[in-house]
């Protein structure tokens, strides 16, 4: 399933990024499109304080969905 990534999509890491202090499964928000298949993703705590913001390729995260897919 190939899905277009959009600004403000909620995403989860699909790999550990120990140099950034991030683990697989951590949740972030897409805040900017930098290039084809490259996006700036911001990671924040429960108080809204950003603790990491970095460029990620689409193969490093997955978009999370909160609504069922429309099945035709």
C-alpha atoms as a PDB file:
ATOM      1  CA  UNK A   1       0.000   0.000   0.000  1.00  0.00           C
ATOM      2  CA  UNK A   2       1.635   3.233  -1.165  1.00  0.00           C
ATOM      3  CA  UNK A   3       0.185   6.250   0.623  1.00  0.00           C
ATOM      4  CA  UNK A   4       0.917   9.933   0.147  1.00  0.00           C
ATOM      5  CA  UNK A   5       2.487  11.526   3.214  1.00  0.00           C
ATOM      6  CA  UNK A   6       0.941  14.859   4.208  1.00  0.00           C
ATOM      7  CA  UNK A   7       1.904  17.676   6.531  1.00  0.00           C
ATOM      8  CA  UNK A   8       0.556  17.013  10.075  1.00  0.00           C
ATOM      9  CA  UNK A   9       0.317  13.239   9.507  1.00  0.00           C
ATOM     10  CA  UNK A  10       1.060  11.305  12.670  1.00  0.00           C
ATOM     11  CA  UNK A  11       3.809   8.754  12.038  1.00  0.00           C
ATOM     12  CA  UNK A  12       5.751   6.075  13.904  1.00  0.00           C
ATOM     13  CA  UNK A  13       9.403   5.176  13.426  1.00  0.00           C
ATOM     14  CA  UNK A  14      10.042   1.805  11.813  1.00  0.00           C
ATOM     15  CA  UNK A  15      13.659   1.614  12.988  1.00  0.00           C
ATOM     16  CA  UNK A  16      15.805   2.612  15.955  1.00  0.00           C
ATOM     17  CA  UNK A  17      17.790   5.844  15.592  1.00  0.00           C
ATOM     18  CA  UNK A  18      20.102   5.617  18.632  1.00  0.00           C
ATOM     19  CA  UNK A  19      22.238   8.589  17.542  1.00  0.00           C
ATOM     20  CA  UNK A  20      19.078  10.715  17.869  1.00  0.00           C
ATOM     21  CA  UNK A  21      17.881   8.995  21.062  1.00  0.00           C
ATOM     22  CA  UNK A  22      14.837   7.582  19.224  1.00  0.00           C
ATOM     23  CA  UNK A  23      13.423   4.053  19.192  1.00  0.00           C
ATOM     24  CA  UNK A  24      11.316   2.095  16.748  1.00  0.00           C
ATOM     25  CA  UNK A  25       7.657   2.881  17.460  1.00  0.00           C
ATOM     26  CA  UNK A  26       8.140   6.428  18.722  1.00  0.00           C
ATOM     27  CA  UNK A  27       5.429   8.727  17.422  1.00  0.00           C
ATOM     28  CA  UNK A  28       6.020  12.052  15.688  1.00  0.00           C
ATOM     29  CA  UNK A  29       4.322  14.553  13.395  1.00  0.00           C
ATOM     30  CA  UNK A  30       5.273  15.451   9.826  1.00  0.00           C
ATOM     31  CA  UNK A  31       5.931  19.205   9.805  1.00  0.00           C
ATOM     32  CA  UNK A  32       7.557  19.817   6.411  1.00  0.00           C
ATOM     33  CA  UNK A  33       8.206  18.225   3.040  1.00  0.00           C
ATOM     34  CA  UNK A  34      11.910  18.576   2.219  1.00  0.00           C
ATOM     35  CA  UNK A  35      12.279  16.559  -0.994  1.00  0.00           C
ATOM     36  CA  UNK A  36      10.553  13.661  -2.712  1.00  0.00           C
ATOM     37  CA  UNK A  37      10.209  10.964  -0.028  1.00  0.00           C
ATOM     38  CA  UNK A  38      11.991  13.095   2.626  1.00  0.00           C
ATOM     39  CA  UNK A  39      10.091  14.824   5.432  1.00  0.00           C
ATOM     40  CA  UNK A  40      10.895  16.768   8.593  1.00  0.00           C
ATOM     41  CA  UNK A  41       9.349  14.903  11.525  1.00  0.00           C
ATOM     42  CA  UNK A  42       8.988  16.448  14.974  1.00  0.00           C
ATOM     43  CA  UNK A  43       8.878  14.369  18.155  1.00  0.00           C
ATOM     44  CA  UNK A  44       7.297  15.965  21.244  1.00  0.00           C
ATOM     45  CA  UNK A  45       6.558  14.909  24.811  1.00  0.00           C
ATOM     46  CA  UNK A  46       3.113  14.920  26.470  1.00  0.00           C
ATOM     47  CA  UNK A  47       3.538  18.615  27.357  1.00  0.00           C
ATOM     48  CA  UNK A  48       4.196  19.549  23.722  1.00  0.00           C
ATOM     49  CA  UNK A  49       7.932  20.158  24.173  1.00  0.00           C
ATOM     50  CA  UNK A  50       9.910  19.091  21.110  1.00  0.00           C
ATOM     51  CA  UNK A  51      12.735  16.703  21.962  1.00  0.00           C
ATOM     52  CA  UNK A  52      13.786  15.812  18.399  1.00  0.00           C
ATOM     53  CA  UNK A  53      13.204  17.154  14.911  1.00  0.00           C
ATOM     54  CA  UNK A  54      14.884  15.538  11.947  1.00  0.00           C
ATOM     55  CA  UNK A  55      14.668  14.700   8.272  1.00  0.00           C
ATOM     56  CA  UNK A  56      13.451  11.159   7.623  1.00  0.00           C
ATOM     57  CA  UNK A  57      12.960   9.147   4.456  1.00  0.00           C
ATOM     58  CA  UNK A  58       9.578   7.519   3.976  1.00  0.00           C
ATOM     59  CA  UNK A  59      11.129   4.075   4.529  1.00  0.00           C
ATOM     60  CA  UNK A  60      12.008   5.109   8.113  1.00  0.00           C
ATOM     61  CA  UNK A  61       8.430   5.708   9.273  1.00  0.00           C
ATOM     62  CA  UNK A  62       4.851   4.671   8.733  1.00  0.00           C
ATOM     63  CA  UNK A  63       1.748   6.865   8.694  1.00  0.00           C
ATOM     64  CA  UNK A  64      -0.714   6.044  11.478  1.00  0.00           C
ATOM     65  CA  UNK A  65      -4.450   5.989  10.805  1.00  0.00           C
ATOM     66  CA  UNK A  66      -7.342   6.633  13.192  1.00  0.00           C
ATOM     67  CA  UNK A  67     -10.195   5.966  10.773  1.00  0.00           C
ATOM     68  CA  UNK A  68     -11.034   2.803   8.834  1.00  0.00           C
ATOM     69  CA  UNK A  69     -10.044   2.696   5.177  1.00  0.00           C
ATOM     70  CA  UNK A  70     -12.813   3.150   2.641  1.00  0.00           C
ATOM     71  CA  UNK A  71     -13.125  -0.261   1.060  1.00  0.00           C
ATOM     72  CA  UNK A  72     -14.774  -0.313  -2.340  1.00  0.00           C
END
